[in-house]
N, C-alpha and C. Protein backbone atom coordinates (compact mmCIF):
# COMPACT_ATOMS: atom_id res chain seq x y z
N UNK A 1 -1.55 73.69 22.86
CA UNK A 1 -0.30 73.01 22.60
C UNK A 1 0.77 74.08 22.44
N UNK A 2 1.88 73.93 23.21
CA UNK A 2 2.95 74.90 23.16
C UNK A 2 3.84 74.73 21.96
N UNK A 3 4.72 75.67 21.75
CA UNK A 3 5.64 75.66 20.62
C UNK A 3 6.52 74.42 20.63
N UNK A 4 7.04 74.05 21.82
CA UNK A 4 7.90 72.87 21.87
C UNK A 4 7.13 71.59 21.56
N UNK A 5 5.88 71.52 22.01
CA UNK A 5 5.06 70.34 21.69
C UNK A 5 4.83 70.24 20.18
N UNK A 6 4.51 71.38 19.54
CA UNK A 6 4.29 71.38 18.09
C UNK A 6 5.57 71.01 17.35
N UNK A 7 6.70 71.55 17.81
CA UNK A 7 7.98 71.26 17.18
C UNK A 7 8.32 69.77 17.30
N UNK A 8 8.11 69.21 18.52
CA UNK A 8 8.42 67.79 18.68
C UNK A 8 7.49 66.92 17.84
N UNK A 9 6.21 67.30 17.72
CA UNK A 9 5.29 66.57 16.85
C UNK A 9 5.74 66.66 15.40
N UNK A 10 6.14 67.84 14.99
CA UNK A 10 6.58 68.04 13.61
C UNK A 10 7.84 67.23 13.32
N UNK A 11 8.74 67.15 14.29
CA UNK A 11 9.98 66.39 14.11
C UNK A 11 9.80 64.90 14.40
N UNK A 12 8.55 64.50 14.67
CA UNK A 12 8.21 63.09 14.89
C UNK A 12 8.75 62.53 16.20
N UNK A 13 9.05 63.39 17.18
CA UNK A 13 9.45 62.89 18.49
C UNK A 13 8.19 62.57 19.25
N UNK A 14 8.10 61.37 19.75
CA UNK A 14 6.93 60.97 20.51
C UNK A 14 7.25 61.05 22.00
N UNK A 15 6.36 61.66 22.74
CA UNK A 15 6.54 61.71 24.19
C UNK A 15 6.38 60.30 24.75
N UNK A 16 7.15 60.01 25.76
CA UNK A 16 6.99 58.75 26.46
C UNK A 16 5.75 58.86 27.34
N UNK A 17 4.99 57.78 27.37
CA UNK A 17 3.75 57.77 28.13
C UNK A 17 3.96 57.09 29.47
N UNK A 18 3.30 57.62 30.48
CA UNK A 18 3.38 57.05 31.83
C UNK A 18 1.99 56.99 32.43
N UNK A 19 1.66 55.83 32.95
CA UNK A 19 0.36 55.64 33.61
C UNK A 19 0.61 55.63 35.12
N UNK A 20 -0.03 56.59 35.81
CA UNK A 20 0.19 56.79 37.22
C UNK A 20 -1.08 56.50 38.00
N UNK A 21 -0.94 55.76 39.08
CA UNK A 21 -2.05 55.49 39.98
C UNK A 21 -1.91 56.41 41.18
N UNK A 22 -2.89 57.26 41.42
CA UNK A 22 -2.86 58.20 42.53
C UNK A 22 -3.85 57.73 43.59
N UNK A 23 -3.34 57.37 44.77
CA UNK A 23 -4.16 56.81 45.84
C UNK A 23 -3.85 57.50 47.17
N UNK A 24 -4.67 57.23 48.13
CA UNK A 24 -4.55 57.77 49.48
C UNK A 24 -5.94 57.80 50.09
N UNK A 25 -6.00 58.07 51.37
CA UNK A 25 -7.30 58.12 52.04
C UNK A 25 -8.13 59.29 51.53
N UNK A 26 -9.43 59.22 51.76
CA UNK A 26 -10.31 60.32 51.40
C UNK A 26 -9.88 61.59 52.13
N UNK A 27 -10.07 62.70 51.47
CA UNK A 27 -9.76 64.03 51.99
C UNK A 27 -8.26 64.28 52.18
N UNK A 28 -7.43 63.50 51.52
CA UNK A 28 -5.98 63.74 51.63
C UNK A 28 -5.51 64.80 50.64
N UNK A 29 -6.28 65.05 49.59
CA UNK A 29 -5.93 66.08 48.63
C UNK A 29 -5.48 65.57 47.28
N UNK A 30 -5.80 64.33 46.94
CA UNK A 30 -5.36 63.73 45.68
C UNK A 30 -5.86 64.53 44.47
N UNK A 31 -7.14 64.78 44.41
CA UNK A 31 -7.72 65.49 43.26
C UNK A 31 -7.20 66.92 43.18
N UNK A 32 -7.01 67.55 44.32
CA UNK A 32 -6.49 68.92 44.34
C UNK A 32 -5.06 68.95 43.80
N UNK A 33 -4.25 67.98 44.18
CA UNK A 33 -2.87 67.90 43.70
C UNK A 33 -2.86 67.68 42.19
N UNK A 34 -3.64 66.72 41.72
CA UNK A 34 -3.67 66.43 40.29
C UNK A 34 -4.14 67.65 39.51
N UNK A 35 -5.12 68.35 40.04
CA UNK A 35 -5.61 69.56 39.39
C UNK A 35 -4.48 70.59 39.27
N UNK A 36 -3.65 70.73 40.29
CA UNK A 36 -2.53 71.67 40.25
C UNK A 36 -1.47 71.27 39.24
N UNK A 37 -1.35 69.98 38.96
CA UNK A 37 -0.34 69.50 38.03
C UNK A 37 -0.73 69.71 36.57
N UNK A 38 -2.02 69.91 36.33
CA UNK A 38 -2.51 70.13 34.97
C UNK A 38 -2.16 71.55 34.52
N UNK A 39 -2.12 71.78 33.20
CA UNK A 39 -1.90 73.15 32.71
C UNK A 39 -2.98 74.09 33.24
N UNK A 40 -2.62 75.33 33.46
CA UNK A 40 -3.51 76.33 34.07
C UNK A 40 -4.85 76.42 33.35
N UNK A 41 -4.85 76.38 32.05
CA UNK A 41 -6.09 76.55 31.28
C UNK A 41 -7.05 75.37 31.42
N UNK A 42 -6.56 74.23 31.87
CA UNK A 42 -7.42 73.04 31.98
C UNK A 42 -7.79 72.71 33.43
N UNK A 43 -7.37 73.54 34.37
CA UNK A 43 -7.67 73.27 35.78
C UNK A 43 -9.14 73.54 36.09
N UNK A 44 -9.65 72.76 37.02
CA UNK A 44 -11.02 72.95 37.51
C UNK A 44 -11.01 74.00 38.61
N UNK A 45 -12.08 74.77 38.68
CA UNK A 45 -12.16 75.77 39.75
C UNK A 45 -12.77 75.18 41.01
N UNK A 46 -13.60 74.16 40.88
CA UNK A 46 -14.20 73.49 42.03
C UNK A 46 -13.76 72.03 42.03
N UNK A 47 -13.28 71.59 43.17
CA UNK A 47 -12.85 70.19 43.31
C UNK A 47 -13.84 69.49 44.23
N UNK A 48 -14.43 68.43 43.72
CA UNK A 48 -15.36 67.63 44.51
C UNK A 48 -14.70 66.30 44.84
N UNK A 49 -15.11 65.67 45.93
CA UNK A 49 -14.56 64.35 46.25
C UNK A 49 -14.78 63.37 45.10
N UNK A 50 -13.76 62.59 44.82
CA UNK A 50 -13.85 61.61 43.74
C UNK A 50 -14.71 60.43 44.17
N UNK A 51 -15.61 60.04 43.32
CA UNK A 51 -16.43 58.85 43.54
C UNK A 51 -15.97 57.84 42.51
N UNK A 52 -15.47 56.71 42.97
CA UNK A 52 -14.92 55.72 42.05
C UNK A 52 -13.53 56.11 41.62
N UNK A 53 -13.41 56.66 40.41
CA UNK A 53 -12.12 57.13 39.93
C UNK A 53 -12.34 58.19 38.85
N UNK A 54 -11.29 58.89 38.55
CA UNK A 54 -11.30 59.92 37.52
C UNK A 54 -9.98 59.82 36.76
N UNK A 55 -9.99 60.04 35.48
CA UNK A 55 -8.77 59.97 34.67
C UNK A 55 -8.41 61.38 34.20
N UNK A 56 -7.18 61.76 34.42
CA UNK A 56 -6.67 63.07 33.99
C UNK A 56 -5.42 62.86 33.15
N UNK A 57 -5.22 63.73 32.18
CA UNK A 57 -4.02 63.65 31.33
C UNK A 57 -3.36 65.01 31.26
N UNK A 58 -2.01 64.99 31.29
CA UNK A 58 -1.25 66.21 31.12
C UNK A 58 0.18 65.84 30.72
N UNK A 59 0.90 66.81 30.21
CA UNK A 59 2.29 66.61 29.80
C UNK A 59 3.21 67.33 30.76
N UNK A 60 4.38 66.76 30.96
CA UNK A 60 5.42 67.41 31.74
C UNK A 60 6.76 66.97 31.16
N UNK A 61 7.48 67.93 30.59
CA UNK A 61 8.75 67.59 29.96
C UNK A 61 8.55 66.62 28.83
N UNK A 62 9.31 65.53 28.85
CA UNK A 62 9.24 64.52 27.79
C UNK A 62 8.23 63.42 28.08
N UNK A 63 7.39 63.62 29.10
CA UNK A 63 6.44 62.58 29.47
C UNK A 63 5.01 63.05 29.29
N UNK A 64 4.19 62.12 28.85
CA UNK A 64 2.75 62.33 28.78
C UNK A 64 2.14 61.47 29.89
N UNK A 65 1.51 62.12 30.87
CA UNK A 65 0.97 61.42 32.03
C UNK A 65 -0.52 61.14 31.85
N UNK A 66 -0.91 59.92 32.18
CA UNK A 66 -2.30 59.56 32.37
C UNK A 66 -2.40 59.16 33.83
N UNK A 67 -3.17 59.94 34.60
CA UNK A 67 -3.25 59.72 36.04
C UNK A 67 -4.65 59.21 36.38
N UNK A 68 -4.68 58.10 37.10
CA UNK A 68 -5.93 57.52 37.59
C UNK A 68 -6.09 57.97 39.04
N UNK A 69 -6.96 58.95 39.23
CA UNK A 69 -7.25 59.52 40.55
C UNK A 69 -8.31 58.65 41.20
N UNK A 70 -7.89 57.86 42.17
CA UNK A 70 -8.78 56.89 42.79
C UNK A 70 -9.42 57.45 44.06
N UNK A 71 -10.68 57.13 44.25
CA UNK A 71 -11.37 57.55 45.47
C UNK A 71 -10.69 56.92 46.68
N UNK A 72 -10.60 57.68 47.74
CA UNK A 72 -10.00 57.17 48.97
C UNK A 72 -11.01 56.74 50.00
N UNK A 73 -12.29 56.87 49.67
CA UNK A 73 -13.33 56.43 50.61
C UNK A 73 -13.25 54.92 50.77
N UNK A 74 -13.47 54.46 51.98
CA UNK A 74 -13.33 53.04 52.31
C UNK A 74 -14.04 52.11 51.37
N UNK A 75 -15.24 52.47 50.95
CA UNK A 75 -16.02 51.55 50.10
C UNK A 75 -15.49 51.46 48.68
N UNK A 76 -14.59 52.37 48.28
CA UNK A 76 -14.04 52.36 46.92
C UNK A 76 -12.59 51.88 46.85
N UNK A 77 -11.94 51.69 47.99
CA UNK A 77 -10.51 51.33 47.97
C UNK A 77 -10.24 50.00 47.30
N UNK A 78 -11.23 49.11 47.26
CA UNK A 78 -11.02 47.83 46.58
C UNK A 78 -10.86 48.01 45.07
N UNK A 79 -11.22 49.18 44.53
CA UNK A 79 -11.03 49.44 43.10
C UNK A 79 -9.56 49.66 42.74
N UNK A 80 -8.76 50.07 43.72
CA UNK A 80 -7.36 50.39 43.44
C UNK A 80 -6.65 49.24 42.73
N UNK A 81 -6.88 48.01 43.21
CA UNK A 81 -6.13 46.87 42.69
C UNK A 81 -6.39 46.58 41.21
N UNK A 82 -7.48 47.08 40.67
CA UNK A 82 -7.78 46.87 39.26
C UNK A 82 -6.84 47.66 38.35
N UNK A 83 -6.08 48.57 38.90
CA UNK A 83 -5.18 49.43 38.13
C UNK A 83 -3.70 49.14 38.41
N UNK A 84 -3.40 48.22 39.29
CA UNK A 84 -2.01 47.92 39.65
C UNK A 84 -1.19 47.44 38.45
N UNK A 85 -1.74 46.51 37.69
CA UNK A 85 -0.95 45.89 36.63
C UNK A 85 -0.57 46.86 35.52
N UNK A 86 -1.39 47.87 35.29
CA UNK A 86 -1.12 48.79 34.18
C UNK A 86 -0.41 50.07 34.62
N UNK A 87 -0.05 50.17 35.89
CA UNK A 87 0.57 51.40 36.40
C UNK A 87 2.09 51.35 36.30
N UNK A 88 2.66 52.49 35.87
CA UNK A 88 4.12 52.63 35.80
C UNK A 88 4.69 53.22 37.08
N UNK A 89 3.84 53.86 37.87
CA UNK A 89 4.27 54.48 39.13
C UNK A 89 3.04 54.73 39.99
N UNK A 90 3.30 55.01 41.26
CA UNK A 90 2.21 55.30 42.20
C UNK A 90 2.50 56.63 42.89
N UNK A 91 1.47 57.43 43.02
CA UNK A 91 1.52 58.61 43.88
C UNK A 91 0.60 58.30 45.05
N UNK A 92 1.17 58.34 46.25
CA UNK A 92 0.40 58.08 47.47
C UNK A 92 0.34 59.39 48.24
N UNK A 93 -0.87 59.93 48.43
CA UNK A 93 -1.04 61.21 49.09
C UNK A 93 -1.49 60.98 50.53
N UNK A 94 -0.81 61.65 51.45
CA UNK A 94 -1.10 61.53 52.87
C UNK A 94 -1.47 62.91 53.41
N UNK A 95 -2.55 62.98 54.16
CA UNK A 95 -2.91 64.22 54.86
C UNK A 95 -2.01 64.29 56.09
N UNK A 96 -1.01 65.17 56.04
CA UNK A 96 -0.02 65.22 57.12
C UNK A 96 -0.57 65.85 58.40
N UNK A 97 -1.83 66.30 58.38
CA UNK A 97 -2.45 66.84 59.59
C UNK A 97 -3.33 65.80 60.28
N UNK A 98 -3.61 64.70 59.61
CA UNK A 98 -4.56 63.70 60.12
C UNK A 98 -3.82 62.57 60.83
N UNK A 99 -3.30 62.88 62.01
CA UNK A 99 -2.51 61.90 62.77
C UNK A 99 -3.36 60.70 63.21
N UNK A 100 -4.64 60.93 63.45
CA UNK A 100 -5.51 59.84 63.89
C UNK A 100 -5.68 58.76 62.83
N UNK A 101 -5.69 59.16 61.55
CA UNK A 101 -5.89 58.18 60.48
C UNK A 101 -4.59 57.73 59.82
N UNK A 102 -3.45 58.16 60.36
CA UNK A 102 -2.17 57.73 59.80
C UNK A 102 -2.02 56.20 59.86
N UNK A 103 -2.46 55.52 60.93
CA UNK A 103 -2.40 54.05 60.92
C UNK A 103 -3.26 53.42 59.81
N UNK A 104 -4.38 54.05 59.48
CA UNK A 104 -5.23 53.54 58.40
C UNK A 104 -4.50 53.70 57.07
N UNK A 105 -3.86 54.87 56.88
CA UNK A 105 -3.07 55.10 55.65
C UNK A 105 -1.95 54.07 55.55
N UNK A 106 -1.30 53.79 56.67
CA UNK A 106 -0.22 52.79 56.68
C UNK A 106 -0.76 51.41 56.31
N UNK A 107 -1.91 51.05 56.85
CA UNK A 107 -2.50 49.75 56.54
C UNK A 107 -2.85 49.64 55.05
N UNK A 108 -3.45 50.70 54.49
CA UNK A 108 -3.79 50.69 53.06
C UNK A 108 -2.53 50.62 52.20
N UNK A 109 -1.49 51.35 52.61
CA UNK A 109 -0.22 51.30 51.88
C UNK A 109 0.37 49.90 51.93
N UNK A 110 0.36 49.27 53.10
CA UNK A 110 0.89 47.92 53.22
C UNK A 110 0.12 46.92 52.37
N UNK A 111 -1.21 47.07 52.32
CA UNK A 111 -2.01 46.19 51.46
C UNK A 111 -1.64 46.39 50.00
N UNK A 112 -1.49 47.64 49.60
CA UNK A 112 -1.12 47.95 48.22
C UNK A 112 0.24 47.33 47.88
N UNK A 113 1.22 47.58 48.73
CA UNK A 113 2.59 47.14 48.44
C UNK A 113 2.78 45.63 48.55
N UNK A 114 1.91 44.96 49.30
CA UNK A 114 2.03 43.51 49.41
C UNK A 114 1.19 42.77 48.37
N UNK A 115 0.43 43.51 47.57
CA UNK A 115 -0.39 42.88 46.53
C UNK A 115 0.52 42.19 45.50
N UNK A 116 0.10 41.04 45.03
CA UNK A 116 0.89 40.23 44.10
C UNK A 116 1.32 41.02 42.86
N UNK A 117 0.40 41.79 42.29
CA UNK A 117 0.75 42.53 41.06
C UNK A 117 1.78 43.64 41.32
N UNK A 118 1.74 44.23 42.49
CA UNK A 118 2.74 45.25 42.84
C UNK A 118 4.07 44.57 43.15
N UNK A 119 4.03 43.44 43.84
CA UNK A 119 5.25 42.71 44.18
C UNK A 119 6.01 42.27 42.92
N UNK A 120 5.30 41.99 41.85
CA UNK A 120 5.93 41.55 40.61
C UNK A 120 6.61 42.69 39.85
N UNK A 121 6.27 43.92 40.19
CA UNK A 121 6.83 45.08 39.49
C UNK A 121 8.13 45.49 40.16
N UNK A 122 9.21 45.23 39.51
CA UNK A 122 10.51 45.67 40.03
C UNK A 122 10.70 47.14 39.67
N UNK A 123 11.37 47.86 40.53
CA UNK A 123 11.71 49.27 40.29
C UNK A 123 10.49 50.18 40.16
N UNK A 124 9.38 49.82 40.78
CA UNK A 124 8.19 50.65 40.73
C UNK A 124 8.42 51.90 41.59
N UNK A 125 8.45 53.08 40.97
CA UNK A 125 8.62 54.29 41.78
C UNK A 125 7.33 54.67 42.50
N UNK A 126 7.48 55.05 43.77
CA UNK A 126 6.35 55.49 44.57
C UNK A 126 6.68 56.87 45.12
N UNK A 127 5.87 57.84 44.74
CA UNK A 127 6.02 59.21 45.21
C UNK A 127 4.98 59.46 46.28
N UNK A 128 5.44 59.92 47.44
CA UNK A 128 4.55 60.27 48.54
C UNK A 128 4.49 61.78 48.65
N UNK A 129 3.29 62.31 48.75
CA UNK A 129 3.11 63.72 49.06
C UNK A 129 2.58 63.81 50.49
N UNK A 130 3.35 64.44 51.38
CA UNK A 130 2.89 64.76 52.73
C UNK A 130 2.12 66.06 52.58
N UNK A 131 0.86 65.93 52.22
CA UNK A 131 0.05 67.08 51.83
C UNK A 131 -0.46 67.86 53.05
N UNK A 132 -0.86 69.09 52.79
CA UNK A 132 -1.36 70.02 53.80
C UNK A 132 -0.24 70.37 54.78
N UNK A 133 0.99 70.31 54.30
CA UNK A 133 2.16 70.52 55.14
C UNK A 133 2.29 71.95 55.63
N UNK A 134 1.53 72.85 55.03
CA UNK A 134 1.56 74.26 55.44
C UNK A 134 0.73 74.51 56.70
N UNK A 135 -0.12 73.58 57.07
CA UNK A 135 -1.01 73.79 58.21
C UNK A 135 -0.28 73.54 59.53
N UNK A 136 -0.74 74.22 60.54
CA UNK A 136 -0.06 74.28 61.83
C UNK A 136 0.16 72.91 62.48
N UNK A 137 -0.79 72.03 62.40
CA UNK A 137 -0.69 70.75 63.10
C UNK A 137 -0.15 69.62 62.21
N UNK A 138 0.47 69.97 61.11
CA UNK A 138 0.99 68.93 60.21
C UNK A 138 2.26 68.33 60.80
N UNK A 139 2.54 67.11 60.39
CA UNK A 139 3.80 66.48 60.77
C UNK A 139 4.76 66.58 59.59
N UNK A 140 6.02 66.57 59.86
CA UNK A 140 7.03 66.71 58.81
C UNK A 140 7.02 65.50 57.89
N UNK A 141 7.59 65.65 56.69
CA UNK A 141 7.68 64.49 55.80
C UNK A 141 8.48 63.34 56.43
N UNK A 142 9.49 63.67 57.20
CA UNK A 142 10.28 62.62 57.88
C UNK A 142 9.40 61.85 58.85
N UNK A 143 8.59 62.57 59.63
CA UNK A 143 7.69 61.92 60.58
C UNK A 143 6.62 61.11 59.83
N UNK A 144 6.11 61.65 58.72
CA UNK A 144 5.14 60.89 57.90
C UNK A 144 5.76 59.57 57.45
N UNK A 145 7.00 59.65 56.97
CA UNK A 145 7.69 58.44 56.51
C UNK A 145 7.82 57.43 57.64
N UNK A 146 8.11 57.91 58.84
CA UNK A 146 8.22 57.01 60.00
C UNK A 146 6.87 56.39 60.33
N UNK A 147 5.82 57.21 60.36
CA UNK A 147 4.48 56.72 60.70
C UNK A 147 3.96 55.72 59.66
N UNK A 148 4.39 55.87 58.41
CA UNK A 148 3.98 54.93 57.35
C UNK A 148 4.89 53.71 57.28
N UNK A 149 5.98 53.72 58.04
CA UNK A 149 6.91 52.59 58.03
C UNK A 149 7.88 52.61 56.87
N UNK A 150 8.01 53.76 56.20
CA UNK A 150 8.89 53.85 55.05
C UNK A 150 10.36 53.80 55.45
N UNK A 151 10.66 54.25 56.66
CA UNK A 151 12.04 54.30 57.11
C UNK A 151 12.63 52.90 57.28
N UNK A 152 11.77 51.89 57.40
CA UNK A 152 12.27 50.52 57.52
C UNK A 152 12.61 49.92 56.17
N UNK A 153 11.98 50.39 55.12
CA UNK A 153 12.31 49.97 53.77
C UNK A 153 12.04 48.51 53.46
N UNK A 154 11.21 47.85 54.26
CA UNK A 154 10.96 46.42 54.07
C UNK A 154 10.28 46.10 52.74
N UNK A 155 9.48 47.00 52.26
CA UNK A 155 8.66 46.74 51.08
C UNK A 155 9.34 47.09 49.77
N UNK A 156 10.44 47.81 49.83
CA UNK A 156 11.00 48.43 48.63
C UNK A 156 11.32 47.41 47.54
N UNK A 157 12.03 46.36 47.86
CA UNK A 157 12.35 45.30 46.90
C UNK A 157 12.80 45.85 45.55
N UNK A 158 13.75 46.74 45.57
CA UNK A 158 14.27 47.28 44.31
C UNK A 158 13.54 48.51 43.83
N UNK A 159 12.37 48.78 44.36
CA UNK A 159 11.62 49.97 43.98
C UNK A 159 12.19 51.19 44.70
N UNK A 160 11.86 52.34 44.21
CA UNK A 160 12.35 53.56 44.82
C UNK A 160 11.17 54.38 45.33
N UNK A 161 11.42 55.17 46.34
CA UNK A 161 10.37 56.04 46.85
C UNK A 161 10.98 57.38 47.25
N UNK A 162 10.09 58.37 47.29
CA UNK A 162 10.49 59.73 47.65
C UNK A 162 9.28 60.38 48.31
N UNK A 163 9.52 61.18 49.33
CA UNK A 163 8.43 61.89 49.99
C UNK A 163 8.70 63.39 49.95
N UNK A 164 7.67 64.14 49.60
CA UNK A 164 7.76 65.60 49.48
C UNK A 164 6.69 66.25 50.34
N UNK A 165 7.06 67.32 51.03
CA UNK A 165 6.00 68.12 51.65
C UNK A 165 5.24 68.83 50.54
N UNK A 166 3.94 68.98 50.71
CA UNK A 166 3.17 69.62 49.64
C UNK A 166 1.99 70.42 50.18
N UNK A 167 1.54 71.31 49.33
CA UNK A 167 0.33 72.08 49.56
C UNK A 167 -0.44 72.01 48.25
N UNK A 168 -1.44 71.16 48.21
CA UNK A 168 -2.21 70.97 46.98
C UNK A 168 -2.93 72.21 46.50
N UNK A 169 -3.26 73.11 47.41
CA UNK A 169 -3.98 74.32 47.03
C UNK A 169 -3.09 75.32 46.30
N UNK A 170 -1.85 75.47 46.75
CA UNK A 170 -0.94 76.44 46.14
C UNK A 170 0.01 75.81 45.14
N UNK A 171 0.16 74.48 45.21
CA UNK A 171 1.10 73.78 44.32
C UNK A 171 2.50 73.66 44.90
N UNK A 172 2.71 74.19 46.08
CA UNK A 172 4.03 74.13 46.70
C UNK A 172 4.47 72.68 46.91
N UNK A 173 5.67 72.34 46.46
CA UNK A 173 6.23 71.00 46.62
C UNK A 173 5.87 70.03 45.51
N UNK A 174 4.90 70.38 44.67
CA UNK A 174 4.46 69.45 43.64
C UNK A 174 5.46 69.30 42.52
N UNK A 175 6.10 70.39 42.13
CA UNK A 175 7.09 70.35 41.05
C UNK A 175 8.27 69.46 41.44
N UNK A 176 8.72 69.59 42.68
CA UNK A 176 9.83 68.75 43.14
C UNK A 176 9.46 67.27 43.03
N UNK A 177 8.25 66.93 43.48
CA UNK A 177 7.81 65.54 43.41
C UNK A 177 7.65 65.05 41.99
N UNK A 178 7.05 65.86 41.13
CA UNK A 178 6.84 65.47 39.74
C UNK A 178 8.18 65.36 39.00
N UNK A 179 9.13 66.24 39.31
CA UNK A 179 10.46 66.14 38.71
C UNK A 179 11.13 64.82 39.10
N UNK A 180 11.04 64.46 40.38
CA UNK A 180 11.62 63.20 40.84
C UNK A 180 10.97 62.03 40.11
N UNK A 181 9.63 62.04 40.06
CA UNK A 181 8.90 60.95 39.41
C UNK A 181 9.25 60.87 37.93
N UNK A 182 9.34 62.01 37.26
CA UNK A 182 9.70 62.04 35.85
C UNK A 182 11.08 61.43 35.62
N UNK A 183 12.03 61.81 36.46
CA UNK A 183 13.39 61.23 36.35
C UNK A 183 13.37 59.72 36.50
N UNK A 184 12.61 59.22 37.47
CA UNK A 184 12.52 57.78 37.68
C UNK A 184 11.91 57.07 36.48
N UNK A 185 10.86 57.64 35.94
CA UNK A 185 10.16 57.02 34.81
C UNK A 185 10.99 57.07 33.54
N UNK A 186 11.69 58.18 33.31
CA UNK A 186 12.55 58.26 32.11
C UNK A 186 13.65 57.23 32.20
N UNK A 187 14.24 57.06 33.40
CA UNK A 187 15.29 56.04 33.58
C UNK A 187 14.75 54.65 33.30
N UNK A 188 13.53 54.37 33.77
CA UNK A 188 12.94 53.05 33.57
C UNK A 188 12.58 52.78 32.13
N UNK A 189 12.15 53.81 31.41
CA UNK A 189 11.69 53.63 30.04
C UNK A 189 12.81 53.76 29.01
N UNK A 190 14.01 54.10 29.47
CA UNK A 190 15.15 54.23 28.54
C UNK A 190 15.70 52.90 28.13
């Protein structure tokens, strides 16, 4: 616990809590990204594919994050909907090098966004990471947004979204995305 955390606890300031659902297809880099967002001392050295789901917690600024890292394997995607009602935001991770499975990612995203519990949530922020953006055959975040149908904005219904290029291994682009998400959540919880 850092000095500012101890000071805020001593002064009785409570961090605002945010429950985040992190989804995307298998091998998109969800667990690697979440691992990079955690404090250095709590990071895992080996990342294995998530089976079912995993819960991670970390602090960033005035927010305490509880992130539900959901498996992206086809047989586990039906578990995602069990966490929709309790989520304050969604992180959707896309492998920007996997052009062949981009239509599958789009289909899963459309199912998620058309779900009744998601439709009832006004102003639900959705952060997209166009992950593996450092690799040679990756597509730009703008192209990812087009391939996912985000440029049409049909699903937004008052919600906001943002897409960031990212590299889950080095952490590049993650701070920008987390800062955007934090701003959205603080505005919603104020």
